[in-house]
Amino acid sequence: MAKDASFDIVSEFDMQEMDNAINQTKKEILTRYDFKGSKAEVNLTKESITIAAENDSKVNSIVDILQSKAIKRGLSLKVFDYGKIETTAGSMVKQTITLKQGINQDIAKKIVKDIKESKLKIQSQIQGEVVRVSAKNIDDLQTIMAMLKEKDLEIPLQFINFRS
């Protein structure tokens, strides 16, 4: 009997590439004319990015720089969850951008539902923040990958651990 082929659907990003994008953003802020003599900060933690500047327009400019650097480094903009711009002490404003990693239960259920609606002989199951998909036919798995790439989910998807 043929062994099942399988793969995992995950949503993750390379933290080193994110760190590189942050560092490039900081360098560009130091060299840009519109930021000369102004205070601007960009800080990265494991879960978020904090941007602080003198006004909303500078925060928005920093976000634009960050997005362009992230795209150049192969990061999806879907990993960014933008918070509100808030006023802080000392007439500064800040924005916290949460970094989305992992597939939450609602999106995982939607993925499983989409797979079931494809009418292919495929099994899918949610395993924490990962969705495991398996089938006897590798072509069916590749069809599912193509279908999920076309869907516009609010998170980026990667397909890992392909086994046949």
C-alpha atoms as a PDB file:
ATOM      1  CA  MET A   1       0.000   0.000   0.000  1.00  0.00           C
ATOM      2  CA  ALA A   2       1.254   3.464  -0.856  1.00  0.00           C
ATOM      3  CA  LYS A   3       2.478   5.637   1.961  1.00  0.00           C
ATOM      4  CA  ASP A   4       0.808   9.011   2.501  1.00  0.00           C
ATOM      5  CA  ALA A   5       2.602  12.149   1.416  1.00  0.00           C
ATOM      6  CA  SER A   6       2.305  15.166   3.697  1.00  0.00           C
ATOM      7  CA  PHE A   7       3.392  18.718   4.386  1.00  0.00           C
ATOM      8  CA  ASP A   8       2.893  21.321   7.098  1.00  0.00           C
ATOM      9  CA  ILE A   9       1.389  24.764   6.618  1.00  0.00           C
ATOM     10  CA  VAL A  10       2.986  27.385   8.859  1.00  0.00           C
ATOM     11  CA  SER A  11       3.167  31.151   9.119  1.00  0.00           C
ATOM     12  CA  GLU A  12       6.580  32.370  10.162  1.00  0.00           C
ATOM     13  CA  PHE A  13       9.332  34.755   9.143  1.00  0.00           C
ATOM     14  CA  ASP A  14      13.101  34.895   9.449  1.00  0.00           C
ATOM     15  CA  MET A  15      13.890  36.960  12.553  1.00  0.00           C
ATOM     16  CA  GLN A  16      17.438  37.627  11.276  1.00  0.00           C
ATOM     17  CA  GLU A  17      16.033  39.169   8.086  1.00  0.00           C
ATOM     18  CA  MET A  18      13.673  41.285  10.210  1.00  0.00           C
ATOM     19  CA  ASP A  19      16.644  42.461  12.288  1.00  0.00           C
ATOM     20  CA  ASN A  20      18.524  43.329   9.089  1.00  0.00           C
ATOM     21  CA  ALA A  21      15.512  45.312   7.800  1.00  0.00           C
ATOM     22  CA  ILE A  22      15.358  47.235  11.114  1.00  0.00           C
ATOM     23  CA  ASN A  23      19.089  48.020  10.956  1.00  0.00           C
ATOM     24  CA  GLN A  24      18.801  49.237   7.359  1.00  0.00           C
ATOM     25  CA  THR A  25      15.827  51.405   8.379  1.00  0.00           C
ATOM     26  CA  LYS A  26      17.883  52.960  11.197  1.00  0.00           C
ATOM     27  CA  LYS A  27      20.758  53.693   8.791  1.00  0.00           C
ATOM     28  CA  GLU A  28      18.449  55.342   6.274  1.00  0.00           C
ATOM     29  CA  ILE A  29      16.865  57.521   8.997  1.00  0.00           C
ATOM     30  CA  LEU A  30      20.341  58.778   9.958  1.00  0.00           C
ATOM     31  CA  THR A  31      21.126  59.793   6.373  1.00  0.00           C
ATOM     32  CA  ARG A  32      17.791  61.275   5.273  1.00  0.00           C
ATOM     33  CA  TYR A  33      17.494  65.052   5.099  1.00  0.00           C
ATOM     34  CA  ASP A  34      13.937  65.173   6.497  1.00  0.00           C
ATOM     35  CA  PHE A  35      15.155  63.469   9.705  1.00  0.00           C
ATOM     36  CA  LYS A  36      18.194  65.753  10.300  1.00  0.00           C
ATOM     37  CA  GLY A  37      18.146  67.068  13.860  1.00  0.00           C
ATOM     38  CA  SER A  38      14.995  65.178  14.856  1.00  0.00           C
ATOM     39  CA  LYS A  39      14.511  62.344  17.288  1.00  0.00           C
ATOM     40  CA  ALA A  40      13.484  59.037  15.741  1.00  0.00           C
ATOM     41  CA  GLU A  41      13.773  55.530  17.160  1.00  0.00           C
ATOM     42  CA  VAL A  42      13.061  52.056  15.846  1.00  0.00           C
ATOM     43  CA  ASN A  43      13.301  49.159  18.304  1.00  0.00           C
ATOM     44  CA  LEU A  44      12.761  45.443  17.682  1.00  0.00           C
ATOM     45  CA  THR A  45      11.726  42.824  20.237  1.00  0.00           C
ATOM     46  CA  LYS A  46      10.711  39.214  19.575  1.00  0.00           C
ATOM     47  CA  GLU A  47       7.025  40.131  19.316  1.00  0.00           C
ATOM     48  CA  SER A  48       6.953  43.737  18.103  1.00  0.00           C
ATOM     49  CA  ILE A  49       8.585  46.787  16.587  1.00  0.00           C
ATOM     50  CA  THR A  50       8.258  50.171  18.307  1.00  0.00           C
ATOM     51  CA  ILE A  51       8.644  53.339  16.257  1.00  0.00           C
ATOM     52  CA  ALA A  52       8.947  56.709  18.008  1.00  0.00           C
ATOM     53  CA  ALA A  53       9.295  60.116  16.358  1.00  0.00           C
ATOM     54  CA  GLU A  54       8.339  63.782  16.778  1.00  0.00           C
ATOM     55  CA  ASN A  55       5.079  63.656  14.799  1.00  0.00           C
ATOM     56  CA  ASP A  56       2.686  61.384  12.889  1.00  0.00           C
ATOM     57  CA  SER A  57       4.162  62.136   9.484  1.00  0.00           C
ATOM     58  CA  LYS A  58       7.652  61.099  10.616  1.00  0.00           C
ATOM     59  CA  VAL A  59       6.270  57.867  12.089  1.00  0.00           C
ATOM     60  CA  ASN A  60       4.496  57.186   8.773  1.00  0.00           C
ATOM     61  CA  SER A  61       7.743  57.909   6.874  1.00  0.00           C
ATOM     62  CA  ILE A  62       9.612  55.434   9.082  1.00  0.00           C
ATOM     63  CA  VAL A  63       6.896  52.811   8.476  1.00  0.00           C
ATOM     64  CA  ASP A  64       7.287  53.355   4.703  1.00  0.00           C
ATOM     65  CA  ILE A  65      11.067  52.924   4.967  1.00  0.00           C
ATOM     66  CA  LEU A  66      10.617  49.778   7.090  1.00  0.00           C
ATOM     67  CA  GLN A  67       8.146  48.289   4.611  1.00  0.00           C
ATOM     68  CA  SER A  68      10.469  48.869   1.655  1.00  0.00           C
ATOM     69  CA  LYS A  69      13.410  47.326   3.526  1.00  0.00           C
ATOM     70  CA  ALA A  70      11.283  44.330   4.595  1.00  0.00           C
ATOM     71  CA  ILE A  71      10.158  43.698   1.007  1.00  0.00           C
ATOM     72  CA  LYS A  72      13.757  43.869  -0.243  1.00  0.00           C
ATOM     73  CA  ARG A  73      14.725  41.269   2.373  1.00  0.00           C
ATOM     74  CA  GLY A  74      11.951  38.890   1.265  1.00  0.00           C
ATOM     75  CA  LEU A  75       9.633  39.481   4.226  1.00  0.00           C
ATOM     76  CA  SER A  76       5.878  39.634   3.718  1.00  0.00           C
ATOM     77  CA  LEU A  77       4.098  42.793   4.869  1.00  0.00           C
ATOM     78  CA  LYS A  78       1.339  40.529   6.222  1.00  0.00           C
ATOM     79  CA  VAL A  79       3.489  39.840   9.314  1.00  0.00           C
ATOM     80  CA  PHE A  80       2.983  43.449  10.455  1.00  0.00           C
ATOM     81  CA  ASP A  81      -0.067  44.259  12.603  1.00  0.00           C
ATOM     82  CA  TYR A  82      -0.095  48.050  12.966  1.00  0.00           C
ATOM     83  CA  GLY A  83      -1.208  49.599  16.243  1.00  0.00           C
ATOM     84  CA  LYS A  84      -2.527  53.124  16.733  1.00  0.00           C
ATOM     85  CA  ILE A  85      -0.187  56.093  16.787  1.00  0.00           C
ATOM     86  CA  GLU A  86      -0.106  57.278  20.412  1.00  0.00           C
ATOM     87  CA  THR A  87       1.221  60.429  22.049  1.00  0.00           C
ATOM     88  CA  THR A  88       3.944  59.836  24.641  1.00  0.00           C
ATOM     89  CA  ALA A  89       5.788  62.033  27.098  1.00  0.00           C
ATOM     90  CA  GLY A  90       7.942  64.838  25.711  1.00  0.00           C
ATOM     91  CA  SER A  91       5.776  65.635  22.673  1.00  0.00           C
ATOM     92  CA  MET A  92       6.765  62.409  20.921  1.00  0.00           C
ATOM     93  CA  VAL A  93       4.462  59.943  19.218  1.00  0.00           C
ATOM     94  CA  LYS A  94       4.925  56.192  18.942  1.00  0.00           C
ATOM     95  CA  GLN A  95       3.455  53.276  17.078  1.00  0.00           C
ATOM     96  CA  THR A  96       3.775  49.627  18.016  1.00  0.00           C
ATOM     97  CA  ILE A  97       3.763  47.094  15.212  1.00  0.00           C
ATOM     98  CA  THR A  98       3.035  43.560  16.408  1.00  0.00           C
ATOM     99  CA  LEU A  99       4.768  40.792  14.485  1.00  0.00           C
ATOM    100  CA  LYS A 100       2.381  37.975  13.548  1.00  0.00           C
ATOM    101  CA  GLN A 101       3.843  34.507  13.665  1.00  0.00           C
ATOM    102  CA  GLY A 102       1.988  31.205  13.759  1.00  0.00           C
ATOM    103  CA  ILE A 103      -1.491  30.330  12.533  1.00  0.00           C
ATOM    104  CA  ASN A 104      -4.250  31.189  15.008  1.00  0.00           C
ATOM    105  CA  GLN A 105      -7.209  28.816  15.451  1.00  0.00           C
ATOM    106  CA  ASP A 106      -9.680  30.849  13.372  1.00  0.00           C
ATOM    107  CA  ILE A 107      -7.404  30.985  10.329  1.00  0.00           C
ATOM    108  CA  ALA A 108      -6.421  27.318  10.784  1.00  0.00           C
ATOM    109  CA  LYS A 109     -10.109  26.340  10.770  1.00  0.00           C
ATOM    110  CA  LYS A 110     -10.646  28.399   7.611  1.00  0.00           C
ATOM    111  CA  ILE A 111      -7.706  26.644   5.915  1.00  0.00           C
ATOM    112  CA  VAL A 112      -9.058  23.211   6.887  1.00  0.00           C
ATOM    113  CA  LYS A 113     -12.537  24.208   5.646  1.00  0.00           C
ATOM    114  CA  ASP A 114     -11.089  25.393   2.303  1.00  0.00           C
ATOM    115  CA  ILE A 115      -9.209  22.104   1.940  1.00  0.00           C
ATOM    116  CA  LYS A 116     -12.380  20.084   2.640  1.00  0.00           C
ATOM    117  CA  GLU A 117     -14.324  22.149   0.084  1.00  0.00           C
ATOM    118  CA  SER A 118     -11.775  21.251  -2.605  1.00  0.00           C
ATOM    119  CA  LYS A 119     -13.377  17.746  -2.763  1.00  0.00           C
ATOM    120  CA  LEU A 120      -9.952  16.101  -3.042  1.00  0.00           C
ATOM    121  CA  LYS A 121      -9.077  13.022  -0.978  1.00  0.00           C
ATOM    122  CA  ILE A 122      -6.962  14.906   1.529  1.00  0.00           C
ATOM    123  CA  GLN A 123      -6.783  14.815   5.315  1.00  0.00           C
ATOM    124  CA  SER A 124      -5.934  17.958   7.242  1.00  0.00           C
ATOM    125  CA  GLN A 125      -5.555  18.493  10.945  1.00  0.00           C
ATOM    126  CA  ILE A 126      -4.681  21.401  13.194  1.00  0.00           C
ATOM    127  CA  GLN A 127      -1.634  20.822  15.400  1.00  0.00           C
ATOM    128  CA  GLY A 128      -1.201  23.936  17.529  1.00  0.00           C
ATOM    129  CA  GLU A 129      -0.010  26.712  15.188  1.00  0.00           C
ATOM    130  CA  VAL A 130       0.592  24.278  12.306  1.00  0.00           C
ATOM    131  CA  VAL A 131      -1.828  22.626   9.873  1.00  0.00           C
ATOM    132  CA  ARG A 132      -0.711  19.156   8.701  1.00  0.00           C
ATOM    133  CA  VAL A 133      -2.022  18.076   5.316  1.00  0.00           C
ATOM    134  CA  SER A 134      -1.670  14.522   3.996  1.00  0.00           C
ATOM    135  CA  ALA A 135      -2.866  12.533   0.983  1.00  0.00           C
ATOM    136  CA  LYS A 136      -1.964   9.467  -1.037  1.00  0.00           C
ATOM    137  CA  ASN A 137      -1.497  11.510  -4.214  1.00  0.00           C
ATOM    138  CA  ILE A 138       1.296  14.108  -4.336  1.00  0.00           C
ATOM    139  CA  ASP A 139      -0.486  15.956  -7.152  1.00  0.00           C
ATOM    140  CA  ASP A 140      -3.438  16.585  -4.823  1.00  0.00           C
ATOM    141  CA  LEU A 141      -1.087  18.150  -2.272  1.00  0.00           C
ATOM    142  CA  GLN A 142       0.407  20.399  -4.932  1.00  0.00           C
ATOM    143  CA  THR A 143      -3.112  21.416  -5.992  1.00  0.00           C
ATOM    144  CA  ILE A 144      -3.883  22.373  -2.384  1.00  0.00           C
ATOM    145  CA  MET A 145      -0.660  24.413  -2.167  1.00  0.00           C
ATOM    146  CA  ALA A 146      -1.584  26.325  -5.320  1.00  0.00           C
ATOM    147  CA  MET A 147      -5.148  26.887  -4.063  1.00  0.00           C
ATOM    148  CA  LEU A 148      -3.952  28.241  -0.697  1.00  0.00           C
ATOM    149  CA  LYS A 149      -1.405  30.548  -2.367  1.00  0.00           C
ATOM    150  CA  GLU A 150      -4.254  32.120  -4.354  1.00  0.00           C
ATOM    151  CA  LYS A 151      -6.357  32.719  -1.222  1.00  0.00           C
ATOM    152  CA  ASP A 152      -5.902  36.143   0.318  1.00  0.00           C
ATOM    153  CA  LEU A 153      -5.423  35.280   3.979  1.00  0.00           C
ATOM    154  CA  GLU A 154      -4.254  37.937   6.422  1.00  0.00           C
ATOM    155  CA  ILE A 155      -1.085  35.975   7.179  1.00  0.00           C
ATOM    156  CA  PRO A 156       1.705  34.708   4.917  1.00  0.00           C
ATOM    157  CA  LEU A 157       1.787  30.923   4.503  1.00  0.00           C
ATOM    158  CA  GLN A 158       4.791  28.671   4.049  1.00  0.00           C
ATOM    159  CA  PHE A 159       4.755  24.973   3.204  1.00  0.00           C
ATOM    160  CA  ILE A 160       7.411  22.950   5.030  1.00  0.00           C
ATOM    161  CA  ASN A 161       8.320  19.324   5.837  1.00  0.00           C
ATOM    162  CA  PHE A 162       7.140  17.973   2.480  1.00  0.00           C
ATOM    163  CA  ARG A 163       7.368  14.179   2.733  1.00  0.00           C
ATOM    164  CA  SER A 164       6.433  11.562   0.198  1.00  0.00           C
END
